[in-house]
Amino acid sequence: MSITAVPTNIITGFLGAGKTSAILHLLQHKPSEERWAVLVNEFGEIGVDGQLFQGQHTQEQGVFIREVPGGCMCCASGLPMQIALNQLLTRAKPDRLLIEPTGLGHPKEVLQVLAGEYYREVLSLQRVLTLVDARHLSKSRYTEHSTFNQQIAIADIVVGNKLDLYQPDDRSKLEEYIKQHGANDAEVIFTQNGALDPKHLQGETNAVLTEKPHHHHANEDKPLLSEIPIPECGYLKAVNEGEGQYSIGWRFSADNIFSREKLFTFFNGIKAERMKAVVITENGVFGYNLTPDALTEIELDDCIESRIEIIAAETNDKWQQQLMACIASPN
């Protein structure tokens, strides 16, 4: 069976805007008879989001996940992205495809690949949704960041997420910012906890690329560290750098059982832009999500190994030692 005109949405937004929560909410409310595929890209080398999704949604439920960790998925002429996307489409044969670029990635380049000749018949590009935390509009490190503004510029719908945390004038500030920096016909909606209605996915995108975007990264040929075997020591560590941020991540073999209590204390003490984790503890498997607002914990059905990823403006040499101290039953 040939795969043609799969409705496809890009769901983008800066670090901590709530993209993962929004996709999880959409998956919970997808039509039960439909098969949905999710291609998720992460800035970190390890890849955590894929396991977070798979820990809550299964192929038996009509949800198929594929990950492209290690930075912007469109690098190397889009080859890592195309390989992952082709494998995902072949396996899932989806009724809808959701693509989540990293919050530090380049959505115009991703759009360029998807709109190119190779996918013209395969995909039907629908609305681009950009999640924004309007509280950040007072911070120049957001408003002067080219990726932040690029994400807004290509959006068909700008989602002001975390509405419950806004100050009285944050909402109007976002609406005014979109008038100045967004597309002429961009719609602005507001929500909290990423609670998006699937109806917002429907409709063709108006995103237009007036020129072919281009950028280059030095490590385009590096191996996917999310897929290589974990060494005998029981863990693998990886670091990435770009767009003014660092990522440091670890993969631990399933033999390493963590203390849930110690882990929660460690995560609460981290000063970072983001932290995501899927961890095997003595009480079961849990997913963690740390933003400057809060640390959340959710019980997951299963995972094959523990993965932890921290994104911050600078790294802390003590993190690994503190993390190792959280292991209750070492390999």
C-alpha atoms as a PDB file:
ATOM      1  CA  MET A   1       0.000   0.000   0.000  1.00  0.00           C
ATOM      2  CA  SER A   2       1.465   3.342  -1.017  1.00  0.00           C
ATOM      3  CA  ILE A   3       1.545   6.131   1.569  1.00  0.00           C
ATOM      4  CA  THR A   4       0.122   9.388   0.241  1.00  0.00           C
ATOM      5  CA  ALA A   5      -1.079  12.729   1.604  1.00  0.00           C
ATOM      6  CA  VAL A   6      -0.631  11.937   5.300  1.00  0.00           C
ATOM      7  CA  PRO A   7      -1.951  14.931   7.307  1.00  0.00           C
ATOM      8  CA  THR A   8       1.176  16.323   8.978  1.00  0.00           C
ATOM      9  CA  ASN A   9       1.593  18.940  11.699  1.00  0.00           C
ATOM     10  CA  ILE A  10       4.743  20.563  13.062  1.00  0.00           C
ATOM     11  CA  ILE A  11       4.395  21.332  16.782  1.00  0.00           C
ATOM     12  CA  THR A  12       7.214  23.597  17.855  1.00  0.00           C
ATOM     13  CA  GLY A  13       8.145  25.988  20.645  1.00  0.00           C
ATOM     14  CA  PHE A  14      11.104  27.036  22.756  1.00  0.00           C
ATOM     15  CA  LEU A  15      12.507  25.001  25.657  1.00  0.00           C
ATOM     16  CA  GLY A  16       9.919  24.468  28.379  1.00  0.00           C
ATOM     17  CA  ALA A  17       6.934  25.807  26.419  1.00  0.00           C
ATOM     18  CA  GLY A  18       5.050  22.532  26.859  1.00  0.00           C
ATOM     19  CA  LYS A  19       5.390  20.731  23.515  1.00  0.00           C
ATOM     20  CA  THR A  20       5.609  17.258  25.028  1.00  0.00           C
ATOM     21  CA  SER A  21       2.592  17.853  27.269  1.00  0.00           C
ATOM     22  CA  ALA A  22       0.621  19.140  24.281  1.00  0.00           C
ATOM     23  CA  ILE A  23       1.438  16.077  22.165  1.00  0.00           C
ATOM     24  CA  LEU A  24       0.585  13.714  25.016  1.00  0.00           C
ATOM     25  CA  HIS A  25      -2.775  15.481  25.396  1.00  0.00           C
ATOM     26  CA  LEU A  26      -3.442  15.234  21.660  1.00  0.00           C
ATOM     27  CA  LEU A  27      -2.617  11.515  21.699  1.00  0.00           C
ATOM     28  CA  GLN A  28      -5.042  10.973  24.566  1.00  0.00           C
ATOM     29  CA  HIS A  29      -7.810  12.558  22.483  1.00  0.00           C
ATOM     30  CA  LYS A  30      -7.062  11.116  19.053  1.00  0.00           C
ATOM     31  CA  PRO A  31      -9.901   9.195  17.353  1.00  0.00           C
ATOM     32  CA  SER A  32      -9.641   5.616  18.642  1.00  0.00           C
ATOM     33  CA  GLU A  33      -9.802   4.106  15.155  1.00  0.00           C
ATOM     34  CA  GLU A  34      -6.903   6.214  13.814  1.00  0.00           C
ATOM     35  CA  ARG A  35      -3.183   5.433  13.765  1.00  0.00           C
ATOM     36  CA  TRP A  36      -0.992   8.416  14.684  1.00  0.00           C
ATOM     37  CA  ALA A  37       2.769   8.686  14.320  1.00  0.00           C
ATOM     38  CA  VAL A  38       5.074  11.038  16.227  1.00  0.00           C
ATOM     39  CA  LEU A  39       8.574  12.009  15.063  1.00  0.00           C
ATOM     40  CA  VAL A  40      10.312  13.726  17.960  1.00  0.00           C
ATOM     41  CA  ASN A  41      13.655  15.520  17.859  1.00  0.00           C
ATOM     42  CA  GLU A  42      15.721  16.376  20.932  1.00  0.00           C
ATOM     43  CA  PHE A  43      18.656  18.712  21.473  1.00  0.00           C
ATOM     44  CA  GLY A  44      20.257  16.180  23.816  1.00  0.00           C
ATOM     45  CA  GLU A  45      22.208  13.158  22.563  1.00  0.00           C
ATOM     46  CA  ILE A  46      20.451  10.567  24.701  1.00  0.00           C
ATOM     47  CA  GLY A  47      16.786  10.887  23.730  1.00  0.00           C
ATOM     48  CA  VAL A  48      14.164  10.802  26.492  1.00  0.00           C
ATOM     49  CA  ASP A  49      10.914  11.968  24.895  1.00  0.00           C
ATOM     50  CA  GLY A  50      10.473   8.804  22.866  1.00  0.00           C
ATOM     51  CA  GLN A  51      10.433   6.676  26.012  1.00  0.00           C
ATOM     52  CA  LEU A  52       8.138   9.166  27.750  1.00  0.00           C
ATOM     53  CA  PHE A  53       5.641   8.806  24.914  1.00  0.00           C
ATOM     54  CA  GLN A  54       6.021   5.034  24.686  1.00  0.00           C
ATOM     55  CA  GLY A  55       5.585   4.701  28.435  1.00  0.00           C
ATOM     56  CA  GLN A  56       2.069   6.142  28.117  1.00  0.00           C
ATOM     57  CA  HIS A  57       0.949   5.154  24.604  1.00  0.00           C
ATOM     58  CA  THR A  58       1.473   1.889  22.726  1.00  0.00           C
ATOM     59  CA  GLN A  59       1.247   0.665  19.151  1.00  0.00           C
ATOM     60  CA  GLU A  60      -1.769  -1.377  20.235  1.00  0.00           C
ATOM     61  CA  GLN A  61      -3.434   1.979  20.923  1.00  0.00           C
ATOM     62  CA  GLY A  62      -2.526   3.180  17.445  1.00  0.00           C
ATOM     63  CA  VAL A  63       0.436   5.356  18.482  1.00  0.00           C
ATOM     64  CA  PHE A  64       3.866   4.981  16.830  1.00  0.00           C
ATOM     65  CA  ILE A  65       6.957   6.875  18.020  1.00  0.00           C
ATOM     66  CA  ARG A  66      10.354   7.551  16.407  1.00  0.00           C
ATOM     67  CA  GLU A  67      13.135   9.693  17.839  1.00  0.00           C
ATOM     68  CA  VAL A  68      15.941  11.758  16.289  1.00  0.00           C
ATOM     69  CA  PRO A  69      18.198  12.862  19.177  1.00  0.00           C
ATOM     70  CA  GLY A  70      21.382  14.890  19.021  1.00  0.00           C
ATOM     71  CA  GLY A  71      20.367  18.355  17.856  1.00  0.00           C
ATOM     72  CA  CYS A  72      18.512  19.785  14.885  1.00  0.00           C
ATOM     73  CA  MET A  73      16.896  16.972  12.910  1.00  0.00           C
ATOM     74  CA  CYS A  74      17.330  18.711   9.564  1.00  0.00           C
ATOM     75  CA  CYS A  75      21.149  18.671   9.563  1.00  0.00           C
ATOM     76  CA  ALA A  76      23.217  16.764   6.986  1.00  0.00           C
ATOM     77  CA  SER A  77      20.715  17.766   4.314  1.00  0.00           C
ATOM     78  CA  GLY A  78      17.935  16.292   6.417  1.00  0.00           C
ATOM     79  CA  LEU A  79      19.303  12.753   6.151  1.00  0.00           C
ATOM     80  CA  PRO A  80      18.822  11.614   9.800  1.00  0.00           C
ATOM     81  CA  MET A  81      15.313  13.041   9.728  1.00  0.00           C
ATOM     82  CA  GLN A  82      14.461  11.441   6.384  1.00  0.00           C
ATOM     83  CA  ILE A  83      15.698   8.003   7.458  1.00  0.00           C
ATOM     84  CA  ALA A  84      13.718   8.157  10.706  1.00  0.00           C
ATOM     85  CA  LEU A  85      10.635   9.551   8.987  1.00  0.00           C
ATOM     86  CA  ASN A  86      10.687   6.942   6.226  1.00  0.00           C
ATOM     87  CA  GLN A  87      10.987   4.121   8.761  1.00  0.00           C
ATOM     88  CA  LEU A  88       8.182   5.584  10.850  1.00  0.00           C
ATOM     89  CA  LEU A  89       5.823   6.020   7.903  1.00  0.00           C
ATOM     90  CA  THR A  90       6.490   2.496   6.650  1.00  0.00           C
ATOM     91  CA  ARG A  91       5.872   0.958  10.067  1.00  0.00           C
ATOM     92  CA  ALA A  92       2.903   3.063  11.155  1.00  0.00           C
ATOM     93  CA  LYS A  93       1.050   3.831   7.900  1.00  0.00           C
ATOM     94  CA  PRO A  94      -0.478   6.683   9.913  1.00  0.00           C
ATOM     95  CA  ASP A  95      -3.682   8.660   9.591  1.00  0.00           C
ATOM     96  CA  ARG A  96      -1.810  11.640  11.047  1.00  0.00           C
ATOM     97  CA  LEU A  97       1.841  12.548  11.626  1.00  0.00           C
ATOM     98  CA  LEU A  98       3.012  14.919  14.376  1.00  0.00           C
ATOM     99  CA  ILE A  99       6.560  16.294  14.215  1.00  0.00           C
ATOM    100  CA  GLU A 100       8.167  17.900  17.267  1.00  0.00           C
ATOM    101  CA  PRO A 101      11.466  19.660  16.460  1.00  0.00           C
ATOM    102  CA  THR A 102      13.785  20.430  19.349  1.00  0.00           C
ATOM    103  CA  GLY A 103      13.099  23.720  21.096  1.00  0.00           C
ATOM    104  CA  LEU A 104      16.584  24.836  20.025  1.00  0.00           C
ATOM    105  CA  GLY A 105      16.205  23.614  16.443  1.00  0.00           C
ATOM    106  CA  HIS A 106      15.350  25.361  13.206  1.00  0.00           C
ATOM    107  CA  PRO A 107      11.699  24.839  12.223  1.00  0.00           C
ATOM    108  CA  LYS A 108      12.076  26.573   8.854  1.00  0.00           C
ATOM    109  CA  GLU A 109      14.627  23.972   7.795  1.00  0.00           C
ATOM    110  CA  VAL A 110      12.363  21.152   8.962  1.00  0.00           C
ATOM    111  CA  LEU A 111       9.503  22.693   7.000  1.00  0.00           C
ATOM    112  CA  GLN A 112      11.781  22.978   3.978  1.00  0.00           C
ATOM    113  CA  VAL A 113      12.523  19.233   4.045  1.00  0.00           C
ATOM    114  CA  LEU A 114       8.857  18.303   4.468  1.00  0.00           C
ATOM    115  CA  ALA A 115       7.716  20.632   1.685  1.00  0.00           C
ATOM    116  CA  GLY A 116      10.410  19.406  -0.703  1.00  0.00           C
ATOM    117  CA  GLU A 117       9.887  17.262  -3.758  1.00  0.00           C
ATOM    118  CA  TYR A 118      10.691  14.006  -1.944  1.00  0.00           C
ATOM    119  CA  TYR A 119       7.663  14.289   0.386  1.00  0.00           C
ATOM    120  CA  ARG A 120       5.335  16.315  -1.822  1.00  0.00           C
ATOM    121  CA  GLU A 121       3.066  13.359  -2.577  1.00  0.00           C
ATOM    122  CA  VAL A 122       3.612  11.546   0.716  1.00  0.00           C
ATOM    123  CA  LEU A 123       2.703  14.300   3.180  1.00  0.00           C
ATOM    124  CA  SER A 124      -0.086  16.851   3.331  1.00  0.00           C
ATOM    125  CA  LEU A 125       1.290  19.742   5.405  1.00  0.00           C
ATOM    126  CA  GLN A 126      -1.322  21.072   7.784  1.00  0.00           C
ATOM    127  CA  ARG A 127      -1.212  23.692  10.502  1.00  0.00           C
ATOM    128  CA  VAL A 128       2.040  24.588  12.235  1.00  0.00           C
ATOM    129  CA  LEU A 129       1.474  25.110  15.969  1.00  0.00           C
ATOM    130  CA  THR A 130       3.966  27.052  18.100  1.00  0.00           C
ATOM    131  CA  LEU A 131       3.715  26.925  21.884  1.00  0.00           C
ATOM    132  CA  VAL A 132       4.860  30.009  23.786  1.00  0.00           C
ATOM    133  CA  ASP A 133       5.108  30.832  27.477  1.00  0.00           C
ATOM    134  CA  ALA A 134       4.096  34.519  27.368  1.00  0.00           C
ATOM    135  CA  ARG A 135       5.894  35.234  30.643  1.00  0.00           C
ATOM    136  CA  HIS A 136       9.174  35.050  28.702  1.00  0.00           C
ATOM    137  CA  LEU A 137       8.371  38.040  26.512  1.00  0.00           C
ATOM    138  CA  SER A 138       9.997  40.316  29.066  1.00  0.00           C
ATOM    139  CA  LYS A 139      13.325  38.489  28.712  1.00  0.00           C
ATOM    140  CA  SER A 140      15.686  39.469  25.899  1.00  0.00           C
ATOM    141  CA  ARG A 141      17.290  36.013  25.802  1.00  0.00           C
ATOM    142  CA  TYR A 142      13.997  34.863  24.306  1.00  0.00           C
ATOM    143  CA  THR A 143      12.859  37.835  22.237  1.00  0.00           C
ATOM    144  CA  GLU A 144      16.330  38.346  20.732  1.00  0.00           C
ATOM    145  CA  HIS A 145      16.832  34.656  19.988  1.00  0.00           C
ATOM    146  CA  SER A 146      16.473  33.930  16.279  1.00  0.00           C
ATOM    147  CA  THR A 147      14.994  30.463  16.842  1.00  0.00           C
ATOM    148  CA  PHE A 148      12.317  31.798  19.215  1.00  0.00           C
ATOM    149  CA  ASN A 149      11.222  34.364  16.617  1.00  0.00           C
ATOM    150  CA  GLN A 150      11.487  31.882  13.756  1.00  0.00           C
ATOM    151  CA  GLN A 151       9.131  29.529  15.576  1.00  0.00           C
ATOM    152  CA  ILE A 152       6.595  32.338  15.884  1.00  0.00           C
ATOM    153  CA  ALA A 153       7.051  33.544  12.306  1.00  0.00           C
ATOM    154  CA  ILE A 154       6.052  30.210  10.731  1.00  0.00           C
ATOM    155  CA  ALA A 155       3.098  29.478  13.048  1.00  0.00           C
ATOM    156  CA  ASP A 156      -0.458  29.160  11.800  1.00  0.00           C
ATOM    157  CA  ILE A 157      -1.544  28.987  15.440  1.00  0.00           C
ATOM    158  CA  VAL A 158       0.407  30.444  18.362  1.00  0.00           C
ATOM    159  CA  VAL A 159      -0.562  28.704  21.596  1.00  0.00           C
ATOM    160  CA  GLY A 160      -0.102  30.777  24.731  1.00  0.00           C
ATOM    161  CA  ASN A 161       0.481  27.867  27.104  1.00  0.00           C
ATOM    162  CA  LYS A 162       0.662  27.899  30.931  1.00  0.00           C
ATOM    163  CA  LEU A 163      -2.128  30.474  31.054  1.00  0.00           C
ATOM    164  CA  ASP A 164      -2.739  29.661  34.728  1.00  0.00           C
ATOM    165  CA  LEU A 165       0.700  31.087  35.600  1.00  0.00           C
ATOM    166  CA  TYR A 166       0.370  34.389  33.694  1.00  0.00           C
ATOM    167  CA  GLN A 167       0.292  37.877  35.157  1.00  0.00           C
ATOM    168  CA  PRO A 168      -2.758  39.977  34.126  1.00  0.00           C
ATOM    169  CA  ASP A 169      -1.028  41.639  31.142  1.00  0.00           C
ATOM    170  CA  ASP A 170       0.902  38.611  29.808  1.00  0.00           C
ATOM    171  CA  ARG A 171      -1.934  37.586  27.541  1.00  0.00           C
ATOM    172  CA  SER A 172      -2.200  40.962  25.824  1.00  0.00           C
ATOM    173  CA  LYS A 173       1.613  41.149  25.529  1.00  0.00           C
ATOM    174  CA  LEU A 174       1.631  37.909  23.559  1.00  0.00           C
ATOM    175  CA  GLU A 175      -1.170  39.044  21.267  1.00  0.00           C
ATOM    176  CA  GLU A 176       0.729  42.267  20.546  1.00  0.00           C
ATOM    177  CA  TYR A 177       4.003  40.388  19.976  1.00  0.00           C
ATOM    178  CA  ILE A 178       2.331  38.114  17.430  1.00  0.00           C
ATOM    179  CA  LYS A 179       0.957  41.137  15.586  1.00  0.00           C
ATOM    180  CA  GLN A 180       4.526  42.407  15.220  1.00  0.00           C
ATOM    181  CA  HIS A 181       6.430  39.145  14.647  1.00  0.00           C
ATOM    182  CA  GLY A 182       3.905  36.544  13.550  1.00  0.00           C
ATOM    183  CA  ALA A 183       2.261  35.819  10.207  1.00  0.00           C
ATOM    184  CA  ASN A 184      -0.528  38.178   9.168  1.00  0.00           C
ATOM    185  CA  ASP A 185      -3.196  35.517   9.535  1.00  0.00           C
ATOM    186  CA  ALA A 186      -1.750  33.750  12.596  1.00  0.00           C
ATOM    187  CA  GLU A 187      -4.338  32.731  15.172  1.00  0.00           C
ATOM    188  CA  VAL A 188      -3.583  33.109  18.888  1.00  0.00           C
ATOM    189  CA  ILE A 189      -5.177  30.768  21.414  1.00  0.00           C
ATOM    190  CA  PHE A 190      -4.511  30.171  25.098  1.00  0.00           C
ATOM    191  CA  THR A 191      -4.388  27.024  27.174  1.00  0.00           C
ATOM    192  CA  GLN A 192      -2.730  25.432  30.172  1.00  0.00           C
ATOM    193  CA  ASN A 193      -0.958  22.107  30.646  1.00  0.00           C
ATOM    194  CA  GLY A 194      -0.783  21.750  26.858  1.00  0.00           C
ATOM    195  CA  ALA A 195      -4.516  20.945  26.643  1.00  0.00           C
ATOM    196  CA  LEU A 196      -4.951  21.315  22.872  1.00  0.00           C
ATOM    197  CA  ASP A 197      -8.088  20.276  21.010  1.00  0.00           C
ATOM    198  CA  PRO A 198      -7.258  18.009  18.017  1.00  0.00           C
ATOM    199  CA  LYS A 199      -9.472  20.262  15.864  1.00  0.00           C
ATOM    200  CA  HIS A 200      -6.619  22.813  15.853  1.00  0.00           C
ATOM    201  CA  LEU A 201      -4.523  20.386  13.813  1.00  0.00           C
ATOM    202  CA  GLN A 202      -6.889  20.464  10.863  1.00  0.00           C
ATOM    203  CA  GLY A 203      -6.479  22.781   7.897  1.00  0.00           C
ATOM    204  CA  GLU A 204      -3.685  23.501   5.455  1.00  0.00           C
ATOM    205  CA  THR A 205      -0.676  25.462   6.607  1.00  0.00           C
ATOM    206  CA  ASN A 206      -0.115  29.005   5.383  1.00  0.00           C
ATOM    207  CA  ALA A 207       3.568  28.879   6.301  1.00  0.00           C
ATOM    208  CA  VAL A 208       5.567  30.084   3.316  1.00  0.00           C
ATOM    209  CA  LEU A 209       9.345  29.995   2.932  1.00  0.00           C
ATOM    210  CA  THR A 210      10.410  33.012   0.873  1.00  0.00           C
ATOM    211  CA  GLU A 211      14.017  31.820   0.733  1.00  0.00           C
ATOM    212  CA  LYS A 212      15.748  28.529   1.295  1.00  0.00           C
ATOM    213  CA  PRO A 213      17.060  28.523   4.869  1.00  0.00           C
ATOM    214  CA  HIS A 214      20.508  27.135   5.517  1.00  0.00           C
ATOM    215  CA  HIS A 215      22.704  26.470   8.477  1.00  0.00           C
ATOM    216  CA  HIS A 216      25.569  24.166   9.290  1.00  0.00           C
ATOM    217  CA  HIS A 217      26.593  22.177  12.318  1.00  0.00           C
ATOM    218  CA  ALA A 218      30.055  20.781  12.861  1.00  0.00           C
ATOM    219  CA  ASN A 219      29.018  17.341  14.177  1.00  0.00           C
ATOM    220  CA  GLU A 220      26.705  16.198  11.454  1.00  0.00           C
ATOM    221  CA  ASP A 221      28.246  12.722  11.110  1.00  0.00           C
ATOM    222  CA  LYS A 222      28.287  11.708  14.766  1.00  0.00           C
ATOM    223  CA  PRO A 223      26.708   8.340  15.692  1.00  0.00           C
ATOM    224  CA  LEU A 224      23.296   8.090  17.361  1.00  0.00           C
ATOM    225  CA  LEU A 225      24.251   7.593  21.006  1.00  0.00           C
ATOM    226  CA  SER A 226      20.670   6.649  21.816  1.00  0.00           C
ATOM    227  CA  GLU A 227      21.112   3.364  19.938  1.00  0.00           C
ATOM    228  CA  ILE A 228      24.644   2.091  20.634  1.00  0.00           C
ATOM    229  CA  PRO A 229      25.080  -0.608  23.329  1.00  0.00           C
ATOM    230  CA  ILE A 230      25.651   0.525  26.913  1.00  0.00           C
ATOM    231  CA  PRO A 231      29.222  -0.392  27.984  1.00  0.00           C
ATOM    232  CA  GLU A 232      30.010  -2.872  30.748  1.00  0.00           C
ATOM    233  CA  CYS A 233      30.292  -0.124  33.364  1.00  0.00           C
ATOM    234  CA  GLY A 234      26.495   0.117  33.173  1.00  0.00           C
ATOM    235  CA  TYR A 235      26.085   3.644  31.864  1.00  0.00           C
ATOM    236  CA  LEU A 236      26.873   5.942  28.956  1.00  0.00           C
ATOM    237  CA  LYS A 237      27.284   9.714  29.149  1.00  0.00           C
ATOM    238  CA  ALA A 238      26.946  12.259  26.319  1.00  0.00           C
ATOM    239  CA  VAL A 239      27.298  16.030  26.028  1.00  0.00           C
ATOM    240  CA  ASN A 240      26.059  18.416  23.352  1.00  0.00           C
ATOM    241  CA  GLU A 241      26.441  22.186  22.890  1.00  0.00           C
ATOM    242  CA  GLY A 242      24.696  24.751  20.710  1.00  0.00           C
ATOM    243  CA  GLU A 243      22.423  27.795  20.600  1.00  0.00           C
ATOM    244  CA  GLY A 244      23.885  29.029  23.894  1.00  0.00           C
ATOM    245  CA  GLN A 245      22.938  25.866  25.808  1.00  0.00           C
ATOM    246  CA  TYR A 246      24.579  22.636  26.915  1.00  0.00           C
ATOM    247  CA  SER A 247      22.990  19.231  27.255  1.00  0.00           C
ATOM    248  CA  ILE A 248      24.352  16.438  29.398  1.00  0.00           C
ATOM    249  CA  GLY A 249      22.689  13.057  29.369  1.00  0.00           C
ATOM    250  CA  TRP A 250      23.067   9.526  30.666  1.00  0.00           C
ATOM    251  CA  ARG A 251      21.793   6.104  29.684  1.00  0.00           C
ATOM    252  CA  PHE A 252      21.806   3.483  32.455  1.00  0.00           C
ATOM    253  CA  SER A 253      21.310  -0.242  31.958  1.00  0.00           C
ATOM    254  CA  ALA A 254      18.152  -1.740  33.449  1.00  0.00           C
ATOM    255  CA  ASP A 255      20.302  -3.444  36.124  1.00  0.00           C
ATOM    256  CA  ASN A 256      20.788  -0.061  37.794  1.00  0.00           C
ATOM    257  CA  ILE A 257      17.812   0.482  40.082  1.00  0.00           C
ATOM    258  CA  PHE A 258      17.459   4.031  41.433  1.00  0.00           C
ATOM    259  CA  SER A 259      16.174   5.227  44.785  1.00  0.00           C
ATOM    260  CA  ARG A 260      13.019   7.154  43.968  1.00  0.00           C
ATOM    261  CA  GLU A 261      13.364   9.343  47.071  1.00  0.00           C
ATOM    262  CA  LYS A 262      17.024  10.244  46.438  1.00  0.00           C
ATOM    263  CA  LEU A 263      16.333  10.847  42.749  1.00  0.00           C
ATOM    264  CA  PHE A 264      13.475  13.240  43.490  1.00  0.00           C
ATOM    265  CA  THR A 265      15.728  15.210  45.866  1.00  0.00           C
ATOM    266  CA  PHE A 266      18.510  15.358  43.251  1.00  0.00           C
ATOM    267  CA  PHE A 267      16.178  16.532  40.482  1.00  0.00           C
ATOM    268  CA  ASN A 268      14.697  19.233  42.732  1.00  0.00           C
ATOM    269  CA  GLY A 269      18.188  20.617  43.350  1.00  0.00           C
ATOM    270  CA  ILE A 270      19.112  21.004  39.669  1.00  0.00           C
ATOM    271  CA  LYS A 271      19.319  24.550  38.293  1.00  0.00           C
ATOM    272  CA  ALA A 272      18.621  24.099  34.588  1.00  0.00           C
ATOM    273  CA  GLU A 273      16.517  25.210  31.666  1.00  0.00           C
ATOM    274  CA  ARG A 274      15.065  21.706  31.307  1.00  0.00           C
ATOM    275  CA  MET A 275      15.479  18.209  32.675  1.00  0.00           C
ATOM    276  CA  LYS A 276      13.690  15.119  31.426  1.00  0.00           C
ATOM    277  CA  ALA A 277      14.096  11.575  32.611  1.00  0.00           C
ATOM    278  CA  VAL A 278      12.662   8.081  32.415  1.00  0.00           C
ATOM    279  CA  VAL A 279      13.991   6.074  35.342  1.00  0.00           C
ATOM    280  CA  ILE A 280      13.684   2.554  36.765  1.00  0.00           C
ATOM    281  CA  THR A 281      13.281   2.834  40.551  1.00  0.00           C
ATOM    282  CA  GLU A 282      12.592   0.369  43.342  1.00  0.00           C
ATOM    283  CA  ASN A 283       8.956   1.549  43.199  1.00  0.00           C
ATOM    284  CA  GLY A 284       8.521   1.133  39.431  1.00  0.00           C
ATOM    285  CA  VAL A 285       9.181   3.216  36.320  1.00  0.00           C
ATOM    286  CA  PHE A 286       8.661   6.993  36.461  1.00  0.00           C
ATOM    287  CA  GLY A 287       8.941   9.889  34.047  1.00  0.00           C
ATOM    288  CA  TYR A 288      10.238  13.258  35.269  1.00  0.00           C
ATOM    289  CA  ASN A 289       9.987  16.726  33.781  1.00  0.00           C
ATOM    290  CA  LEU A 290      11.728  19.731  35.342  1.00  0.00           C
ATOM    291  CA  THR A 291      11.145  23.321  34.236  1.00  0.00           C
ATOM    292  CA  PRO A 292      11.895  26.553  36.121  1.00  0.00           C
ATOM    293  CA  ASP A 293       8.279  26.317  37.347  1.00  0.00           C
ATOM    294  CA  ALA A 294       8.157  22.826  38.845  1.00  0.00           C
ATOM    295  CA  LEU A 295       9.276  19.205  38.867  1.00  0.00           C
ATOM    296  CA  THR A 296       6.588  16.742  37.844  1.00  0.00           C
ATOM    297  CA  GLU A 297       6.576  12.961  38.214  1.00  0.00           C
ATOM    298  CA  ILE A 298       4.369  10.484  36.368  1.00  0.00           C
ATOM    299  CA  GLU A 299       4.232   6.704  36.625  1.00  0.00           C
ATOM    300  CA  LEU A 300       4.948   4.874  33.362  1.00  0.00           C
ATOM    301  CA  ASP A 301       4.064   1.374  32.233  1.00  0.00           C
ATOM    302  CA  ASP A 302       7.585   0.305  31.337  1.00  0.00           C
ATOM    303  CA  CYS A 303      10.955   1.244  29.810  1.00  0.00           C
ATOM    304  CA  ILE A 304      13.982  -0.680  28.606  1.00  0.00           C
ATOM    305  CA  GLU A 305      16.570   1.470  30.438  1.00  0.00           C
ATOM    306  CA  SER A 306      16.901   4.667  32.471  1.00  0.00           C
ATOM    307  CA  ARG A 307      17.625   7.896  30.595  1.00  0.00           C
ATOM    308  CA  ILE A 308      18.272  11.363  32.014  1.00  0.00           C
ATOM    309  CA  GLU A 309      18.899  14.580  30.083  1.00  0.00           C
ATOM    310  CA  ILE A 310      19.697  18.038  31.492  1.00  0.00           C
ATOM    311  CA  ILE A 311      19.757  21.220  29.377  1.00  0.00           C
ATOM    312  CA  ALA A 312      21.330  24.293  30.961  1.00  0.00           C
ATOM    313  CA  ALA A 313      23.345  27.408  30.157  1.00  0.00           C
ATOM    314  CA  GLU A 314      26.280  25.789  31.969  1.00  0.00           C
ATOM    315  CA  THR A 315      26.973  22.303  33.270  1.00  0.00           C
ATOM    316  CA  ASN A 316      27.752  21.245  36.837  1.00  0.00           C
ATOM    317  CA  ASP A 317      30.622  18.813  37.377  1.00  0.00           C
ATOM    318  CA  LYS A 318      28.927  17.441  40.509  1.00  0.00           C
ATOM    319  CA  TRP A 319      25.789  16.225  38.714  1.00  0.00           C
ATOM    320  CA  GLN A 320      27.211  12.835  37.759  1.00  0.00           C
ATOM    321  CA  GLN A 321      28.506  12.106  41.266  1.00  0.00           C
ATOM    322  CA  GLN A 322      25.153  13.139  42.763  1.00  0.00           C
ATOM    323  CA  LEU A 323      23.283  11.011  40.231  1.00  0.00           C
ATOM    324  CA  MET A 324      25.418   7.949  40.925  1.00  0.00           C
ATOM    325  CA  ALA A 325      24.641   8.355  44.623  1.00  0.00           C
ATOM    326  CA  CYS A 326      20.951   7.864  43.771  1.00  0.00           C
ATOM    327  CA  ILE A 327      21.484   4.298  42.566  1.00  0.00           C
ATOM    328  CA  ALA A 328      20.031   1.902  45.126  1.00  0.00           C
ATOM    329  CA  SER A 329      21.062  -1.297  43.361  1.00  0.00           C
ATOM    330  CA  PRO A 330      24.095  -0.777  41.098  1.00  0.00           C
ATOM    331  CA  ASN A 331      25.032  -2.921  38.128  1.00  0.00           C
END
